[in-house]
Amino acid sequence: ALGARHVEYLVPNRFEYGYGLTPEIVDEAFGRRPDLLVTVD
């Protein structure tokens, strides 16, 4: 709504990665080539 055109989300599967921004979920996130990673909650 504020004008960003390239916004995606990623939620770790609790059974594979566990809670939070783990190094493993970061590696998966890197595959999407984000410029800015924003954690929520």
ModelCIF file with pLDDT and N, C-alpha, C, O atoms, coordinates in Angstrom:
data_MODEL
#
_entry.id   MODEL 
#
_entity.id                         1 
_entity.type                       polymer 
_entity.pdbx_number_of_molecules   1 
#
_entity_poly.entity_id                      1 
_entity_poly.type                           'polypeptide(L)' 
_entity_poly.nstd_linkage                   no 
_entity_poly.nstd_monomer                   no 
_entity_poly.pdbx_seq_one_letter_code       ALGARHVEYLVPNRFEYGYGLTPEIVDEAFGRRPDLLVTVD 
_entity_poly.pdbx_seq_one_letter_code_can   ALGARHVEYLVPNRFEYGYGLTPEIVDEAFGRRPDLLVTVD 
_entity_poly.pdbx_strand_id                 A 
#
loop_
_entity_poly_seq.entity_id 
_entity_poly_seq.num 
_entity_poly_seq.mon_id 
_entity_poly_seq.hetero 
1 1  ALA n 
1 2  LEU n 
1 3  GLY n 
1 4  ALA n 
1 5  ARG n 
1 6  HIS n 
1 7  VAL n 
1 8  GLU n 
1 9  TYR n 
1 10 LEU n 
1 11 VAL n 
1 12 PRO n 
1 13 ASN n 
1 14 ARG n 
1 15 PHE n 
1 16 GLU n 
1 17 TYR n 
1 18 GLY n 
1 19 TYR n 
1 20 GLY n 
1 21 LEU n 
1 22 THR n 
1 23 PRO n 
1 24 GLU n 
1 25 ILE n 
1 26 VAL n 
1 27 ASP n 
1 28 GLU n 
1 29 ALA n 
1 30 PHE n 
1 31 GLY n 
1 32 ARG n 
1 33 ARG n 
1 34 PRO n 
1 35 ASP n 
1 36 LEU n 
1 37 LEU n 
1 38 VAL n 
1 39 THR n 
1 40 VAL n 
1 41 ASP n 
#
_struct_asym.id          A 
_struct_asym.entity_id   1 
#
loop_
_ma_qa_metric.id 
_ma_qa_metric.mode 
_ma_qa_metric.name 
_ma_qa_metric.software_group_id 
_ma_qa_metric.type 
1 global pLDDT . pLDDT 
2 local  pLDDT . pLDDT 
#
_ma_qa_metric_global.metric_id      1 
_ma_qa_metric_global.metric_value   91.05 
_ma_qa_metric_global.model_id       1 
_ma_qa_metric_global.ordinal_id     1 
#
loop_
_ma_qa_metric_local.label_asym_id 
_ma_qa_metric_local.label_comp_id 
_ma_qa_metric_local.label_seq_id 
_ma_qa_metric_local.metric_id 
_ma_qa_metric_local.metric_value 
_ma_qa_metric_local.model_id 
_ma_qa_metric_local.ordinal_id 
A ALA 1  2 97.00 1 1  
A LEU 2  2 97.00 1 2  
A GLY 3  2 96.00 1 3  
A ALA 4  2 97.00 1 4  
A ARG 5  2 96.00 1 5  
A HIS 6  2 97.00 1 6  
A VAL 7  2 98.00 1 7  
A GLU 8  2 97.00 1 8  
A TYR 9  2 97.00 1 9  
A LEU 10 2 95.00 1 10 
A VAL 11 2 92.00 1 11 
A PRO 12 2 85.00 1 12 
A ASN 13 2 78.00 1 13 
A ARG 14 2 71.00 1 14 
A PHE 15 2 68.00 1 15 
A GLU 16 2 72.00 1 16 
A TYR 17 2 71.00 1 17 
A GLY 18 2 70.00 1 18 
A TYR 19 2 76.00 1 19 
A GLY 20 2 83.00 1 20 
A LEU 21 2 92.00 1 21 
A THR 22 2 91.00 1 22 
A PRO 23 2 93.00 1 23 
A GLU 24 2 92.00 1 24 
A ILE 25 2 94.00 1 25 
A VAL 26 2 96.00 1 26 
A ASP 27 2 95.00 1 27 
A GLU 28 2 94.00 1 28 
A ALA 29 2 95.00 1 29 
A PHE 30 2 96.00 1 30 
A GLY 31 2 94.00 1 31 
A ARG 32 2 95.00 1 32 
A ARG 33 2 95.00 1 33 
A PRO 34 2 97.00 1 34 
A ASP 35 2 97.00 1 35 
A LEU 36 2 98.00 1 36 
A LEU 37 2 98.00 1 37 
A VAL 38 2 98.00 1 38 
A THR 39 2 98.00 1 39 
A VAL 40 2 97.00 1 40 
A ASP 41 2 95.00 1 41 
#
loop_
_atom_site.group_PDB 
_atom_site.id 
_atom_site.type_symbol 
_atom_site.label_atom_id 
_atom_site.label_alt_id 
_atom_site.label_comp_id 
_atom_site.label_asym_id 
_atom_site.label_entity_id 
_atom_site.label_seq_id 
_atom_site.pdbx_PDB_ins_code 
_atom_site.Cartn_x 
_atom_site.Cartn_y 
_atom_site.Cartn_z 
_atom_site.occupancy 
_atom_site.B_iso_or_equiv 
_atom_site.pdbx_formal_charge 
_atom_site.auth_seq_id 
_atom_site.auth_comp_id 
_atom_site.auth_asym_id 
_atom_site.auth_atom_id 
_atom_site.pdbx_PDB_model_num 
ATOM 1   N N  . ALA A 1 1  ? 0.822  -1.208  0.000  1.00 97.00 ? 1  ALA A N  1 
ATOM 2   C CA . ALA A 1 1  ? 0.000  0.000   0.000  1.00 97.00 ? 1  ALA A CA 1 
ATOM 3   C C  . ALA A 1 1  ? 0.857  1.259   0.000  1.00 97.00 ? 1  ALA A C  1 
ATOM 4   O O  . ALA A 1 1  ? 0.462  2.284   -0.557 1.00 97.00 ? 1  ALA A O  1 
ATOM 5   N N  . LEU A 1 2  ? 2.015  1.185   0.617  1.00 97.00 ? 2  LEU A N  1 
ATOM 6   C CA . LEU A 1 2  ? 2.924  2.329   0.674  1.00 97.00 ? 2  LEU A CA 1 
ATOM 7   C C  . LEU A 1 2  ? 3.766  2.474   -0.600 1.00 97.00 ? 2  LEU A C  1 
ATOM 8   O O  . LEU A 1 2  ? 4.533  3.428   -0.727 1.00 97.00 ? 2  LEU A O  1 
ATOM 9   N N  . GLY A 1 3  ? 3.628  1.544   -1.531 1.00 96.00 ? 3  GLY A N  1 
ATOM 10  C CA . GLY A 1 3  ? 4.282  1.690   -2.818 1.00 96.00 ? 3  GLY A CA 1 
ATOM 11  C C  . GLY A 1 3  ? 5.354  0.684   -3.135 1.00 96.00 ? 3  GLY A C  1 
ATOM 12  O O  . GLY A 1 3  ? 5.932  0.739   -4.221 1.00 96.00 ? 3  GLY A O  1 
ATOM 13  N N  . ALA A 1 4  ? 5.649  -0.244  -2.229 1.00 97.00 ? 4  ALA A N  1 
ATOM 14  C CA . ALA A 1 4  ? 6.662  -1.269  -2.507 1.00 97.00 ? 4  ALA A CA 1 
ATOM 15  C C  . ALA A 1 4  ? 6.079  -2.299  -3.483 1.00 97.00 ? 4  ALA A C  1 
ATOM 16  O O  . ALA A 1 4  ? 4.953  -2.765  -3.311 1.00 97.00 ? 4  ALA A O  1 
ATOM 17  N N  . ARG A 1 5  ? 6.857  -2.641  -4.501 1.00 96.00 ? 5  ARG A N  1 
ATOM 18  C CA . ARG A 1 5  ? 6.363  -3.572  -5.518 1.00 96.00 ? 5  ARG A CA 1 
ATOM 19  C C  . ARG A 1 5  ? 6.920  -4.985  -5.347 1.00 96.00 ? 5  ARG A C  1 
ATOM 20  O O  . ARG A 1 5  ? 6.358  -5.946  -5.873 1.00 96.00 ? 5  ARG A O  1 
ATOM 21  N N  . HIS A 1 6  ? 8.008  -5.105  -4.621 1.00 97.00 ? 6  HIS A N  1 
ATOM 22  C CA . HIS A 1 6  ? 8.672  -6.411  -4.519 1.00 97.00 ? 6  HIS A CA 1 
ATOM 23  C C  . HIS A 1 6  ? 8.735  -6.825  -3.038 1.00 97.00 ? 6  HIS A C  1 
ATOM 24  O O  . HIS A 1 6  ? 9.768  -6.680  -2.384 1.00 97.00 ? 6  HIS A O  1 
ATOM 25  N N  . VAL A 1 7  ? 7.618  -7.338  -2.530 1.00 98.00 ? 7  VAL A N  1 
ATOM 26  C CA . VAL A 1 7  ? 7.515  -7.749  -1.135 1.00 98.00 ? 7  VAL A CA 1 
ATOM 27  C C  . VAL A 1 7  ? 7.106  -9.217  -1.088 1.00 98.00 ? 7  VAL A C  1 
ATOM 28  O O  . VAL A 1 7  ? 6.085  -9.603  -1.659 1.00 98.00 ? 7  VAL A O  1 
ATOM 29  N N  . GLU A 1 8  ? 7.885  -10.012 -0.422 1.00 97.00 ? 8  GLU A N  1 
ATOM 30  C CA . GLU A 1 8  ? 7.563  -11.425 -0.230 1.00 97.00 ? 8  GLU A CA 1 
ATOM 31  C C  . GLU A 1 8  ? 7.694  -11.746 1.255  1.00 97.00 ? 8  GLU A C  1 
ATOM 32  O O  . GLU A 1 8  ? 8.162  -10.926 2.044  1.00 97.00 ? 8  GLU A O  1 
ATOM 33  N N  . TYR A 1 9  ? 7.267  -12.963 1.621  1.00 97.00 ? 9  TYR A N  1 
ATOM 34  C CA . TYR A 1 9  ? 7.414  -13.397 3.006  1.00 97.00 ? 9  TYR A CA 1 
ATOM 35  C C  . TYR A 1 9  ? 7.939  -14.823 3.039  1.00 97.00 ? 9  TYR A C  1 
ATOM 36  O O  . TYR A 1 9  ? 7.819  -15.575 2.072  1.00 97.00 ? 9  TYR A O  1 
ATOM 37  N N  . LEU A 1 10 ? 8.513  -15.169 4.155  1.00 95.00 ? 10 LEU A N  1 
ATOM 38  C CA . LEU A 1 10 ? 9.039  -16.514 4.391  1.00 95.00 ? 10 LEU A CA 1 
ATOM 39  C C  . LEU A 1 10 ? 8.820  -16.844 5.861  1.00 95.00 ? 10 LEU A C  1 
ATOM 40  O O  . LEU A 1 10 ? 9.201  -16.076 6.745  1.00 95.00 ? 10 LEU A O  1 
ATOM 41  N N  . VAL A 1 11 ? 8.207  -17.984 6.111  1.00 92.00 ? 11 VAL A N  1 
ATOM 42  C CA . VAL A 1 11 ? 7.984  -18.426 7.491  1.00 92.00 ? 11 VAL A CA 1 
ATOM 43  C C  . VAL A 1 11 ? 8.648  -19.779 7.672  1.00 92.00 ? 11 VAL A C  1 
ATOM 44  O O  . VAL A 1 11 ? 8.353  -20.704 6.915  1.00 92.00 ? 11 VAL A O  1 
ATOM 45  N N  . PRO A 1 12 ? 9.535  -19.927 8.648  1.00 85.00 ? 12 PRO A N  1 
ATOM 46  C CA . PRO A 1 12 ? 10.188 -21.227 8.847  1.00 85.00 ? 12 PRO A CA 1 
ATOM 47  C C  . PRO A 1 12 ? 9.190  -22.290 9.271  1.00 85.00 ? 12 PRO A C  1 
ATOM 48  O O  . PRO A 1 12 ? 8.295  -22.034 10.076 1.00 85.00 ? 12 PRO A O  1 
ATOM 49  N N  . ASN A 1 13 ? 9.352  -23.466 8.729  1.00 78.00 ? 13 ASN A N  1 
ATOM 50  C CA . ASN A 1 13 ? 8.589  -24.612 9.203  1.00 78.00 ? 13 ASN A CA 1 
ATOM 51  C C  . ASN A 1 13 ? 9.178  -25.042 10.552 1.00 78.00 ? 13 ASN A C  1 
ATOM 52  O O  . ASN A 1 13 ? 10.370 -25.333 10.658 1.00 78.00 ? 13 ASN A O  1 
ATOM 53  N N  . ARG A 1 14 ? 8.327  -25.074 11.571 1.00 71.00 ? 14 ARG A N  1 
ATOM 54  C CA . ARG A 1 14 ? 8.836  -25.325 12.930 1.00 71.00 ? 14 ARG A CA 1 
ATOM 55  C C  . ARG A 1 14 ? 9.524  -26.687 13.050 1.00 71.00 ? 14 ARG A C  1 
ATOM 56  O O  . ARG A 1 14 ? 10.387 -26.874 13.908 1.00 71.00 ? 14 ARG A O  1 
ATOM 57  N N  . PHE A 1 15 ? 9.144  -27.631 12.195 1.00 68.00 ? 15 PHE A N  1 
ATOM 58  C CA . PHE A 1 15 ? 9.695  -28.972 12.309 1.00 68.00 ? 15 PHE A CA 1 
ATOM 59  C C  . PHE A 1 15 ? 11.048 -29.102 11.603 1.00 68.00 ? 15 PHE A C  1 
ATOM 60  O O  . PHE A 1 15 ? 11.799 -30.038 11.876 1.00 68.00 ? 15 PHE A O  1 
ATOM 61  N N  . GLU A 1 16 ? 11.363 -28.175 10.705 1.00 72.00 ? 16 GLU A N  1 
ATOM 62  C CA . GLU A 1 16 ? 12.630 -28.234 9.986  1.00 72.00 ? 16 GLU A CA 1 
ATOM 63  C C  . GLU A 1 16 ? 13.649 -27.239 10.528 1.00 72.00 ? 16 GLU A C  1 
ATOM 64  O O  . GLU A 1 16 ? 14.819 -27.577 10.704 1.00 72.00 ? 16 GLU A O  1 
ATOM 65  N N  . TYR A 1 17 ? 13.200 -26.004 10.795 1.00 71.00 ? 17 TYR A N  1 
ATOM 66  C CA . TYR A 1 17 ? 14.136 -24.935 11.142 1.00 71.00 ? 17 TYR A CA 1 
ATOM 67  C C  . TYR A 1 17 ? 14.031 -24.465 12.587 1.00 71.00 ? 17 TYR A C  1 
ATOM 68  O O  . TYR A 1 17 ? 14.969 -23.868 13.116 1.00 71.00 ? 17 TYR A O  1 
ATOM 69  N N  . GLY A 1 18 ? 12.888 -24.732 13.233 1.00 70.00 ? 18 GLY A N  1 
ATOM 70  C CA . GLY A 1 18 ? 12.698 -24.178 14.564 1.00 70.00 ? 18 GLY A CA 1 
ATOM 71  C C  . GLY A 1 18 ? 12.320 -22.714 14.497 1.00 70.00 ? 18 GLY A C  1 
ATOM 72  O O  . GLY A 1 18 ? 11.986 -22.190 13.434 1.00 70.00 ? 18 GLY A O  1 
ATOM 73  N N  . TYR A 1 19 ? 12.376 -22.058 15.648 1.00 76.00 ? 19 TYR A N  1 
ATOM 74  C CA . TYR A 1 19 ? 11.868 -20.696 15.781 1.00 76.00 ? 19 TYR A CA 1 
ATOM 75  C C  . TYR A 1 19 ? 12.904 -19.655 15.383 1.00 76.00 ? 19 TYR A C  1 
ATOM 76  O O  . TYR A 1 19 ? 14.098 -19.819 15.633 1.00 76.00 ? 19 TYR A O  1 
ATOM 77  N N  . GLY A 1 20 ? 12.430 -18.587 14.762 1.00 83.00 ? 20 GLY A N  1 
ATOM 78  C CA . GLY A 1 20 ? 13.245 -17.394 14.579 1.00 83.00 ? 20 GLY A CA 1 
ATOM 79  C C  . GLY A 1 20 ? 14.120 -17.401 13.338 1.00 83.00 ? 20 GLY A C  1 
ATOM 80  O O  . GLY A 1 20 ? 14.051 -18.294 12.494 1.00 83.00 ? 20 GLY A O  1 
ATOM 81  N N  . LEU A 1 21 ? 14.942 -16.370 13.267 1.00 92.00 ? 21 LEU A N  1 
ATOM 82  C CA . LEU A 1 21 ? 15.839 -16.173 12.136 1.00 92.00 ? 21 LEU A CA 1 
ATOM 83  C C  . LEU A 1 21 ? 17.109 -16.996 12.360 1.00 92.00 ? 21 LEU A C  1 
ATOM 84  O O  . LEU A 1 21 ? 18.134 -16.463 12.783 1.00 92.00 ? 21 LEU A O  1 
ATOM 85  N N  . THR A 1 22 ? 17.034 -18.274 12.081 1.00 91.00 ? 22 THR A N  1 
ATOM 86  C CA . THR A 1 22 ? 18.188 -19.154 12.240 1.00 91.00 ? 22 THR A CA 1 
ATOM 87  C C  . THR A 1 22 ? 19.100 -19.025 11.022 1.00 91.00 ? 22 THR A C  1 
ATOM 88  O O  . THR A 1 22 ? 18.653 -18.568 9.970  1.00 91.00 ? 22 THR A O  1 
ATOM 89  N N  . PRO A 1 23 ? 20.368 -19.418 11.142 1.00 93.00 ? 23 PRO A N  1 
ATOM 90  C CA . PRO A 1 23 ? 21.245 -19.398 9.955  1.00 93.00 ? 23 PRO A CA 1 
ATOM 91  C C  . PRO A 1 23 ? 20.683 -20.223 8.808  1.00 93.00 ? 23 PRO A C  1 
ATOM 92  O O  . PRO A 1 23 ? 20.869 -19.866 7.645  1.00 93.00 ? 23 PRO A O  1 
ATOM 93  N N  . GLU A 1 24 ? 20.002 -21.318 9.113  1.00 92.00 ? 24 GLU A N  1 
ATOM 94  C CA . GLU A 1 24 ? 19.447 -22.175 8.070  1.00 92.00 ? 24 GLU A CA 1 
ATOM 95  C C  . GLU A 1 24 ? 18.342 -21.455 7.285  1.00 92.00 ? 24 GLU A C  1 
ATOM 96  O O  . GLU A 1 24 ? 18.285 -21.546 6.059  1.00 92.00 ? 24 GLU A O  1 
ATOM 97  N N  . ILE A 1 25 ? 17.470 -20.744 7.999  1.00 94.00 ? 25 ILE A N  1 
ATOM 98  C CA . ILE A 1 25 ? 16.403 -20.028 7.284  1.00 94.00 ? 25 ILE A CA 1 
ATOM 99  C C  . ILE A 1 25 ? 16.983 -18.843 6.529  1.00 94.00 ? 25 ILE A C  1 
ATOM 100 O O  . ILE A 1 25 ? 16.445 -18.449 5.494  1.00 94.00 ? 25 ILE A O  1 
ATOM 101 N N  . VAL A 1 26 ? 18.073 -18.267 7.027  1.00 96.00 ? 26 VAL A N  1 
ATOM 102 C CA . VAL A 1 26 ? 18.749 -17.185 6.296  1.00 96.00 ? 26 VAL A CA 1 
ATOM 103 C C  . VAL A 1 26 ? 19.291 -17.700 4.975  1.00 96.00 ? 26 VAL A C  1 
ATOM 104 O O  . VAL A 1 26 ? 19.188 -17.025 3.950  1.00 96.00 ? 26 VAL A O  1 
ATOM 105 N N  . ASP A 1 27 ? 19.869 -18.899 4.998  1.00 95.00 ? 27 ASP A N  1 
ATOM 106 C CA . ASP A 1 27 ? 20.384 -19.474 3.756  1.00 95.00 ? 27 ASP A CA 1 
ATOM 107 C C  . ASP A 1 27 ? 19.259 -19.695 2.745  1.00 95.00 ? 27 ASP A C  1 
ATOM 108 O O  . ASP A 1 27 ? 19.444 -19.482 1.547  1.00 95.00 ? 27 ASP A O  1 
ATOM 109 N N  . GLU A 1 28 ? 18.098 -20.122 3.231  1.00 94.00 ? 28 GLU A N  1 
ATOM 110 C CA . GLU A 1 28 ? 16.960 -20.286 2.322  1.00 94.00 ? 28 GLU A CA 1 
ATOM 111 C C  . GLU A 1 28 ? 16.495 -18.925 1.808  1.00 94.00 ? 28 GLU A C  1 
ATOM 112 O O  . GLU A 1 28 ? 16.159 -18.775 0.634  1.00 94.00 ? 28 GLU A O  1 
ATOM 113 N N  . ALA A 1 29 ? 16.481 -17.943 2.696  1.00 95.00 ? 29 ALA A N  1 
ATOM 114 C CA . ALA A 1 29 ? 16.073 -16.594 2.284  1.00 95.00 ? 29 ALA A CA 1 
ATOM 115 C C  . ALA A 1 29 ? 17.007 -16.033 1.232  1.00 95.00 ? 29 ALA A C  1 
ATOM 116 O O  . ALA A 1 29 ? 16.572 -15.328 0.321  1.00 95.00 ? 29 ALA A O  1 
ATOM 117 N N  . PHE A 1 30 ? 18.279 -16.340 1.353  1.00 96.00 ? 30 PHE A N  1 
ATOM 118 C CA . PHE A 1 30 ? 19.271 -15.807 0.422  1.00 96.00 ? 30 PHE A CA 1 
ATOM 119 C C  . PHE A 1 30 ? 18.989 -16.232 -1.010 1.00 96.00 ? 30 PHE A C  1 
ATOM 120 O O  . PHE A 1 30 ? 19.331 -15.526 -1.959 1.00 96.00 ? 30 PHE A O  1 
ATOM 121 N N  . GLY A 1 31 ? 18.363 -17.389 -1.156 1.00 94.00 ? 31 GLY A N  1 
ATOM 122 C CA . GLY A 1 31 ? 18.020 -17.863 -2.490 1.00 94.00 ? 31 GLY A CA 1 
ATOM 123 C C  . GLY A 1 31 ? 17.034 -16.965 -3.204 1.00 94.00 ? 31 GLY A C  1 
ATOM 124 O O  . GLY A 1 31 ? 16.926 -17.017 -4.429 1.00 94.00 ? 31 GLY A O  1 
ATOM 125 N N  . ARG A 1 32 ? 16.315 -16.144 -2.462 1.00 95.00 ? 32 ARG A N  1 
ATOM 126 C CA . ARG A 1 32 ? 15.363 -15.215 -3.080 1.00 95.00 ? 32 ARG A CA 1 
ATOM 127 C C  . ARG A 1 32 ? 16.008 -13.855 -3.378 1.00 95.00 ? 32 ARG A C  1 
ATOM 128 O O  . ARG A 1 32 ? 15.356 -12.967 -3.929 1.00 95.00 ? 32 ARG A O  1 
ATOM 129 N N  . ARG A 1 33 ? 17.246 -13.698 -3.027 1.00 95.00 ? 33 ARG A N  1 
ATOM 130 C CA . ARG A 1 33 ? 18.038 -12.500 -3.309 1.00 95.00 ? 33 ARG A CA 1 
ATOM 131 C C  . ARG A 1 33 ? 17.377 -11.204 -2.802 1.00 95.00 ? 33 ARG A C  1 
ATOM 132 O O  . ARG A 1 33 ? 17.220 -10.259 -3.574 1.00 95.00 ? 33 ARG A O  1 
ATOM 133 N N  . PRO A 1 34 ? 16.991 -11.147 -1.526 1.00 97.00 ? 34 PRO A N  1 
ATOM 134 C CA . PRO A 1 34 ? 16.412 -9.893  -1.023 1.00 97.00 ? 34 PRO A CA 1 
ATOM 135 C C  . PRO A 1 34 ? 17.495 -8.841  -0.792 1.00 97.00 ? 34 PRO A C  1 
ATOM 136 O O  . PRO A 1 34 ? 18.634 -9.162  -0.452 1.00 97.00 ? 34 PRO A O  1 
ATOM 137 N N  . ASP A 1 35 ? 17.115 -7.586  -0.983 1.00 97.00 ? 35 ASP A N  1 
ATOM 138 C CA . ASP A 1 35 ? 18.004 -6.479  -0.606 1.00 97.00 ? 35 ASP A CA 1 
ATOM 139 C C  . ASP A 1 35 ? 17.857 -6.166  0.881  1.00 97.00 ? 35 ASP A C  1 
ATOM 140 O O  . ASP A 1 35 ? 18.818 -5.802  1.558  1.00 97.00 ? 35 ASP A O  1 
ATOM 141 N N  . LEU A 1 36 ? 16.630 -6.319  1.368  1.00 98.00 ? 36 LEU A N  1 
ATOM 142 C CA . LEU A 1 36 ? 16.343 -5.998  2.770  1.00 98.00 ? 36 LEU A CA 1 
ATOM 143 C C  . LEU A 1 36 ? 15.543 -7.136  3.377  1.00 98.00 ? 36 LEU A C  1 
ATOM 144 O O  . LEU A 1 36 ? 14.500 -7.522  2.849  1.00 98.00 ? 36 LEU A O  1 
ATOM 145 N N  . LEU A 1 37 ? 16.023 -7.662  4.466  1.00 98.00 ? 37 LEU A N  1 
ATOM 146 C CA . LEU A 1 37 ? 15.342 -8.726  5.206  1.00 98.00 ? 37 LEU A CA 1 
ATOM 147 C C  . LEU A 1 37 ? 14.746 -8.105  6.468  1.00 98.00 ? 37 LEU A C  1 
ATOM 148 O O  . LEU A 1 37 ? 15.459 -7.470  7.244  1.00 98.00 ? 37 LEU A O  1 
ATOM 149 N N  . VAL A 1 38 ? 13.458 -8.284  6.670  1.00 98.00 ? 38 VAL A N  1 
ATOM 150 C CA . VAL A 1 38 ? 12.755 -7.693  7.815  1.00 98.00 ? 38 VAL A CA 1 
ATOM 151 C C  . VAL A 1 38 ? 12.125 -8.815  8.633  1.00 98.00 ? 38 VAL A C  1 
ATOM 152 O O  . VAL A 1 38 ? 11.276 -9.548  8.126  1.00 98.00 ? 38 VAL A O  1 
ATOM 153 N N  . THR A 1 39 ? 12.530 -8.955  9.881  1.00 98.00 ? 39 THR A N  1 
ATOM 154 C CA . THR A 1 39 ? 11.869 -9.941  10.742 1.00 98.00 ? 39 THR A CA 1 
ATOM 155 C C  . THR A 1 39 ? 10.616 -9.326  11.348 1.00 98.00 ? 39 THR A C  1 
ATOM 156 O O  . THR A 1 39 ? 10.595 -8.140  11.678 1.00 98.00 ? 39 THR A O  1 
ATOM 157 N N  . VAL A 1 40 ? 9.574  -10.138 11.492 1.00 97.00 ? 40 VAL A N  1 
ATOM 158 C CA . VAL A 1 40 ? 8.344  -9.703  12.150 1.00 97.00 ? 40 VAL A CA 1 
ATOM 159 C C  . VAL A 1 40 ? 7.992  -10.736 13.213 1.00 97.00 ? 40 VAL A C  1 
ATOM 160 O O  . VAL A 1 40 ? 7.910  -11.930 12.926 1.00 97.00 ? 40 VAL A O  1 
ATOM 161 N N  . ASP A 1 41 ? 7.787  -10.271 14.437 1.00 95.00 ? 41 ASP A N  1 
ATOM 162 C CA . ASP A 1 41 ? 7.450  -11.125 15.573 1.00 95.00 ? 41 ASP A CA 1 
ATOM 163 C C  . ASP A 1 41 ? 8.582  -12.085 15.935 1.00 95.00 ? 41 ASP A C  1 
ATOM 164 O O  . ASP A 1 41 ? 8.448  -12.871 16.873 1.00 95.00 ? 41 ASP A O  1 
#
